[in-house]
Amino acid sequence: MFNLFGKKKKDIGPKPIYTADNPLFKRFPLQEAELSTIRVSVEKKMAEILDTEAAAELLTSMTELPSVPVNLKRLQFESFGWKKVESEQRFDAYVCEKTGNYLLASQDRPNGSLKDMNIKVEFPMYRDWLRDQMAHNGGGLIFCETFKHKGVSGYEAIAKLPKPEGENGTDYYYFLNIHNFEDDRIEQLRLTVKELGGPGVRETLLKEPLTELLDNDSDKFINYFRLDPYNPTYNEGNVHSAAEMEVFDQLFPIHPLSVLRMHLRPRLLDSLIHLEMLPEGTKDDDDIEVEYEEL
């Protein structure tokens, strides 16, 4: 249930043109008039296909979550009130029984000391490795940056993978690799948000208004609608698309990427605290040293 990476590389079809000279992505950030036109187009189509009552119920189950802090040794973080379950791996696992969304938490001792880590060298390696892992399984990288929030720092990333074979759609993943310098540990939180509505709705509804930005040239849209945010020539897997830009999140409130960026990620980041002492009854056992490939 909690195996993050699949085993088969999936073909997503013909590849568009991958270049930094991308006329669609060059239009971002969009002007307010352009955003307004897109908003009207999407809202009109959504009204035709969306069951508003069911959508409201789904949004509630995905976002109106209680605040229930939990601990991974000295790290305190938000569990959203999800049920803690047994896991076969070295994780603490918390699962939302209504949606299937889940959060995994683990801690390991890195090779060498974190204090000796050169972030300028290590971080690009991590980002490239994560991109390749996702692409190898038919997915892609959407966002990957270093972060520092309320004294907690490390790497954060958003990526996507296709659902298991036999299911349609895409699931979205949020990774927090936290550098705990005091304990010399890497703490990782992995949040998975599942696509529960019809697959591909976001891209389908944005196709027409985004094509209009390219003078209604459908060939241009097909060629230029994907671009990796860090390597414009990268063309493996399901590369980040214009429809996944954060500016469109509010138009698709029940989409897993929107839920992740607008609701779950901010709450998880705000909840991060390193306690001064281990919670009572917690053992500070040394874990197995790990390479990046296990993270």
Protein backbone atom coordinates (compact mmCIF):
# COMPACT_ATOMS: atom_id res chain seq x y z
CA MET A 1 0.00 0.00 0.00
CA PHE A 2 2.80 2.39 0.82
CA ASN A 3 5.26 1.46 -1.94
CA LEU A 4 6.10 4.84 -3.46
CA PHE A 5 7.75 3.79 -6.67
CA GLY A 6 6.42 1.31 -9.20
CA LYS A 7 8.50 -1.07 -11.28
CA LYS A 8 7.45 -0.40 -14.87
CA LYS A 9 8.36 2.57 -17.00
CA LYS A 10 5.19 3.84 -18.67
CA ASP A 11 4.92 5.47 -22.09
CA ILE A 12 2.69 8.55 -22.08
CA GLY A 13 2.68 8.98 -25.86
CA PRO A 14 4.23 11.50 -28.28
CA LYS A 15 6.55 14.05 -26.71
CA PRO A 16 6.12 17.80 -27.23
CA ILE A 17 8.96 20.20 -27.96
CA TYR A 18 11.16 20.85 -24.92
CA THR A 19 12.98 24.16 -25.08
CA ALA A 20 13.60 27.23 -22.95
CA ASP A 21 12.24 29.22 -25.89
CA ASN A 22 8.68 28.11 -25.06
CA PRO A 23 6.01 30.59 -26.23
CA LEU A 24 3.34 29.28 -23.85
CA PHE A 25 5.38 29.34 -20.65
CA LYS A 26 6.81 32.72 -21.65
CA ARG A 27 3.29 34.12 -21.21
CA PHE A 28 3.48 33.49 -17.44
CA PRO A 29 2.80 35.25 -15.17
CA LEU A 30 -0.45 35.95 -16.98
CA GLN A 31 -2.07 39.36 -17.05
CA GLU A 32 -5.28 39.80 -15.08
CA ALA A 33 -7.38 40.08 -18.25
CA GLU A 34 -5.99 36.76 -19.47
CA LEU A 35 -6.67 35.12 -16.13
CA SER A 36 -10.21 36.46 -16.13
CA THR A 37 -10.87 34.99 -19.59
CA ILE A 38 -9.53 31.61 -18.48
CA ARG A 39 -11.57 31.74 -15.28
CA VAL A 40 -14.81 32.38 -17.18
CA SER A 41 -14.09 29.53 -19.60
CA VAL A 42 -13.29 27.01 -16.87
CA GLU A 43 -16.21 27.98 -14.62
CA LYS A 44 -18.67 27.63 -17.52
CA LYS A 45 -17.45 24.14 -18.36
CA MET A 46 -17.30 23.10 -14.70
CA ALA A 47 -20.93 24.10 -14.23
CA GLU A 48 -21.87 21.70 -17.03
CA ILE A 49 -20.06 18.65 -15.68
CA LEU A 50 -19.70 19.09 -11.93
CA ASP A 51 -22.00 17.69 -9.26
CA THR A 52 -21.65 20.64 -6.89
CA GLU A 53 -23.03 18.80 -3.86
CA ALA A 54 -20.68 15.85 -4.29
CA ALA A 55 -17.76 18.23 -4.98
CA ALA A 56 -18.46 20.17 -1.78
CA GLU A 57 -18.56 16.94 0.22
CA LEU A 58 -15.28 15.78 -1.32
CA LEU A 59 -13.60 19.13 -0.64
CA THR A 60 -14.70 18.98 2.99
CA SER A 61 -13.29 15.49 3.45
CA MET A 62 -9.97 16.54 1.91
CA THR A 63 -9.43 19.91 3.58
CA GLU A 64 -11.53 20.39 6.73
CA LEU A 65 -9.27 18.31 8.92
CA PRO A 66 -8.62 18.53 12.67
CA SER A 67 -5.24 19.58 14.01
CA VAL A 68 -3.62 16.57 15.69
CA PRO A 69 0.13 16.97 16.28
CA VAL A 70 2.20 13.78 16.42
CA ASN A 71 5.88 13.04 16.91
CA LEU A 72 8.73 11.36 15.11
CA LYS A 73 11.22 11.35 17.97
CA ARG A 74 11.88 15.08 18.58
CA LEU A 75 10.15 16.23 15.38
CA GLN A 76 6.54 17.32 15.91
CA PHE A 77 4.25 17.64 12.90
CA GLU A 78 0.61 17.70 11.82
CA SER A 79 -1.18 14.38 11.21
CA PHE A 80 -4.52 15.95 10.16
CA GLY A 81 -6.27 13.54 12.51
CA TRP A 82 -5.58 10.62 10.17
CA LYS A 83 -5.44 7.10 11.60
CA LYS A 84 -2.04 5.69 12.49
CA VAL A 85 -1.62 2.24 10.96
CA GLU A 86 0.95 -0.52 11.02
CA SER A 87 3.49 -0.47 8.21
CA GLU A 88 5.76 -3.20 6.89
CA GLN A 89 8.54 -0.67 6.32
CA ARG A 90 10.48 1.67 8.59
CA PHE A 91 7.72 4.30 8.60
CA ASP A 92 5.09 5.77 10.82
CA ALA A 93 2.00 5.81 8.60
CA TYR A 94 -1.13 7.95 8.93
CA VAL A 95 -4.08 7.29 6.60
CA CYS A 96 -7.28 9.19 5.85
CA GLU A 97 -9.93 6.49 5.75
CA LYS A 98 -12.32 8.61 3.64
CA THR A 99 -9.96 9.59 0.82
CA GLY A 100 -7.03 7.17 1.01
CA ASN A 101 -4.59 10.08 1.33
CA TYR A 102 -1.69 9.23 3.60
CA LEU A 103 1.38 10.59 5.35
CA LEU A 104 4.57 8.64 5.98
CA ALA A 105 7.25 9.70 8.46
CA SER A 106 10.75 8.26 8.81
CA GLN A 107 14.14 9.20 10.23
CA ASP A 108 17.60 8.01 9.27
CA ARG A 109 21.24 8.79 9.88
CA PRO A 110 22.90 9.97 6.66
CA ASN A 111 26.27 8.86 5.38
CA GLY A 112 28.68 11.29 6.96
CA SER A 113 27.58 14.31 8.93
CA LEU A 114 24.92 16.80 7.88
CA LYS A 115 27.19 19.57 9.15
CA ASP A 116 29.70 18.67 6.44
CA MET A 117 27.09 18.64 3.67
CA ASN A 118 27.58 21.14 0.84
CA ILE A 119 23.99 22.10 -0.02
CA LYS A 120 25.04 23.74 -3.29
CA VAL A 121 26.39 20.38 -4.44
CA GLU A 122 23.99 17.93 -2.75
CA PHE A 123 20.69 19.65 -3.51
CA PRO A 124 20.97 19.68 -7.33
CA MET A 125 21.94 16.00 -7.15
CA TYR A 126 18.84 15.24 -5.07
CA ARG A 127 16.57 17.20 -7.42
CA ASP A 128 17.94 15.43 -10.51
CA TRP A 129 17.66 12.04 -8.81
CA LEU A 130 14.05 12.66 -7.77
CA ARG A 131 13.11 13.86 -11.27
CA ASP A 132 14.62 10.72 -12.81
CA GLN A 133 12.89 8.43 -10.31
CA MET A 134 9.51 9.94 -11.11
CA ALA A 135 10.07 9.93 -14.87
CA HIS A 136 11.20 6.29 -14.82
CA ASN A 137 7.76 5.38 -13.46
CA GLY A 138 5.75 7.54 -15.86
CA GLY A 139 5.53 10.56 -13.56
CA GLY A 140 7.26 13.90 -13.25
CA LEU A 141 8.66 16.64 -11.06
CA ILE A 142 6.57 19.77 -10.45
CA PHE A 143 8.53 21.64 -7.79
CA CYS A 144 11.74 21.11 -5.81
CA GLU A 145 13.44 23.74 -3.66
CA THR A 146 15.34 24.19 -0.43
CA PHE A 147 13.25 25.57 2.43
CA LYS A 148 13.65 27.18 5.82
CA HIS A 149 10.51 27.70 7.89
CA LYS A 150 10.43 28.68 11.54
CA GLY A 151 13.96 27.41 12.06
CA VAL A 152 13.35 24.05 10.33
CA SER A 153 15.20 23.58 7.04
CA GLY A 154 15.83 21.06 4.26
CA TYR A 155 14.41 20.18 0.85
CA GLU A 156 10.78 20.13 -0.27
CA ALA A 157 9.33 18.78 -3.50
CA ILE A 158 6.05 18.10 -5.28
CA ALA A 159 5.88 15.31 -7.83
CA LYS A 160 3.32 13.09 -9.57
CA LEU A 161 2.96 9.44 -10.46
CA PRO A 162 0.29 7.55 -12.41
CA LYS A 163 -2.05 5.41 -10.36
CA PRO A 164 -1.29 1.67 -10.21
CA GLU A 165 -1.92 -0.42 -13.31
CA GLY A 166 -5.62 -0.89 -13.92
CA GLU A 167 -6.56 2.54 -12.51
CA ASN A 168 -6.82 5.85 -14.36
CA GLY A 169 -5.50 9.14 -13.09
CA THR A 170 -2.56 10.67 -11.27
CA ASP A 171 -1.60 10.94 -7.62
CA TYR A 172 0.50 13.79 -6.21
CA TYR A 173 3.32 13.55 -3.67
CA TYR A 174 4.83 16.09 -1.32
CA PHE A 175 8.28 15.38 0.10
CA LEU A 176 9.88 17.12 3.06
CA ASN A 177 13.49 16.14 3.69
CA ILE A 178 14.30 17.85 6.99
CA HIS A 179 17.87 18.37 8.13
CA ASN A 180 18.01 17.82 11.87
CA PHE A 181 21.52 19.12 12.53
CA GLU A 182 21.35 18.75 16.31
CA ASP A 183 20.66 15.00 16.16
CA ASP A 184 22.49 14.57 12.82
CA ARG A 185 19.47 12.91 11.22
CA ILE A 186 17.45 13.26 8.02
CA GLU A 187 13.74 13.27 8.79
CA GLN A 188 11.39 12.69 5.91
CA LEU A 189 7.65 13.31 5.61
CA ARG A 190 5.91 11.99 2.49
CA LEU A 191 2.37 13.17 1.85
CA THR A 192 0.27 11.53 -0.87
CA VAL A 193 -2.92 13.11 -2.21
CA LYS A 194 -5.00 10.89 -4.46
CA GLU A 195 -6.96 11.95 -7.53
CA LEU A 196 -10.55 11.01 -6.71
CA GLY A 197 -12.54 12.79 -9.42
CA GLY A 198 -12.38 12.26 -13.16
CA PRO A 199 -8.78 12.00 -14.39
CA GLY A 200 -7.36 14.73 -16.60
CA VAL A 201 -10.10 17.29 -15.91
CA ARG A 202 -7.68 20.09 -15.14
CA GLU A 203 -5.74 19.73 -18.37
CA THR A 204 -8.88 19.14 -20.44
CA LEU A 205 -10.68 22.28 -19.25
CA LEU A 206 -7.59 24.47 -19.62
CA LYS A 207 -6.68 23.27 -23.09
CA GLU A 208 -8.96 25.62 -25.01
CA PRO A 209 -8.19 28.88 -23.13
CA LEU A 210 -4.46 28.10 -23.08
CA THR A 211 -4.56 27.44 -26.84
CA GLU A 212 -6.10 30.88 -27.27
CA LEU A 213 -2.96 32.34 -25.72
CA LEU A 214 -1.10 30.84 -28.70
CA ASP A 215 -3.36 32.45 -31.32
CA ASN A 216 -5.66 29.39 -31.33
CA ASP A 217 -2.89 27.33 -32.86
CA SER A 218 -3.56 23.79 -31.56
CA ASP A 219 -0.25 22.53 -32.96
CA LYS A 220 1.62 25.10 -30.87
CA PHE A 221 -0.30 24.03 -27.78
CA ILE A 222 0.52 20.37 -28.33
CA ASN A 223 4.18 21.19 -28.88
CA TYR A 224 4.67 23.59 -26.01
CA PHE A 225 2.31 22.63 -23.19
CA ARG A 226 5.00 20.87 -21.09
CA LEU A 227 8.20 22.25 -19.59
CA ASP A 228 10.31 21.08 -16.67
CA PRO A 229 10.69 24.03 -14.25
CA TYR A 230 14.44 23.47 -13.78
CA ASN A 231 15.71 21.81 -16.96
CA PRO A 232 13.83 23.05 -20.06
CA THR A 233 15.28 20.32 -22.28
CA TYR A 234 14.26 17.41 -20.03
CA ASN A 235 11.83 15.16 -21.91
CA GLU A 236 11.40 11.95 -19.92
CA GLY A 237 8.20 10.80 -18.24
CA ASN A 238 5.19 13.03 -17.63
CA VAL A 239 6.84 16.45 -17.65
CA HIS A 240 5.25 19.37 -15.75
CA SER A 241 2.44 20.93 -17.81
CA ALA A 242 1.08 24.47 -18.06
CA ALA A 243 -2.19 23.21 -16.56
CA GLU A 244 -0.31 22.40 -13.35
CA MET A 245 0.79 25.99 -12.77
CA GLU A 246 -0.08 27.13 -9.25
CA VAL A 247 -2.03 30.13 -10.57
CA PHE A 248 -4.83 27.74 -11.63
CA ASP A 249 -5.28 26.01 -8.27
CA GLN A 250 -8.27 28.11 -7.19
CA LEU A 251 -10.15 27.11 -10.37
CA PHE A 252 -9.90 23.43 -9.39
CA PRO A 253 -10.41 23.31 -5.60
CA ILE A 254 -10.92 19.52 -5.42
CA HIS A 255 -7.95 18.65 -7.63
CA PRO A 256 -5.27 16.87 -5.56
CA LEU A 257 -2.55 19.32 -6.62
CA SER A 258 -4.72 22.25 -5.51
CA VAL A 259 -5.56 20.57 -2.20
CA LEU A 260 -1.89 19.86 -1.62
CA ARG A 261 -0.64 23.37 -2.37
CA MET A 262 -3.49 25.42 -0.91
CA HIS A 263 -4.30 23.41 2.21
CA LEU A 264 -2.04 20.53 3.25
CA ARG A 265 1.45 21.86 2.49
CA PRO A 266 0.98 25.15 4.43
CA ARG A 267 -0.42 23.33 7.43
CA LEU A 268 2.34 20.75 7.45
CA LEU A 269 5.09 23.36 7.17
CA ASP A 270 3.57 25.52 9.91
CA SER A 271 3.34 22.53 12.25
CA LEU A 272 7.03 21.59 12.15
CA ILE A 273 8.79 21.89 15.51
CA HIS A 274 11.88 20.25 16.97
CA LEU A 275 11.15 19.66 20.65
CA GLU A 276 13.88 20.26 23.19
CA MET A 277 13.44 16.79 24.69
CA LEU A 278 12.28 13.42 23.38
CA PRO A 279 8.63 12.74 24.26
CA GLU A 280 8.28 10.47 27.28
CA GLY A 281 8.60 6.79 26.36
CA THR A 282 10.39 7.48 23.05
CA LYS A 283 13.67 5.66 22.39
CA ASP A 284 16.47 7.39 20.52
CA ASP A 285 17.59 4.31 18.60
CA ASP A 286 20.16 4.67 15.84
CA ASP A 287 18.72 3.86 12.44
CA ILE A 288 20.35 2.24 9.44
CA GLU A 289 22.53 4.52 7.35
CA VAL A 290 20.90 5.30 4.03
CA GLU A 291 21.86 6.59 0.62
CA TYR A 292 19.75 9.15 -1.26
CA GLU A 293 18.28 6.29 -3.29
CA GLU A 294 16.35 5.20 -0.18
CA LEU A 295 14.99 8.67 0.48
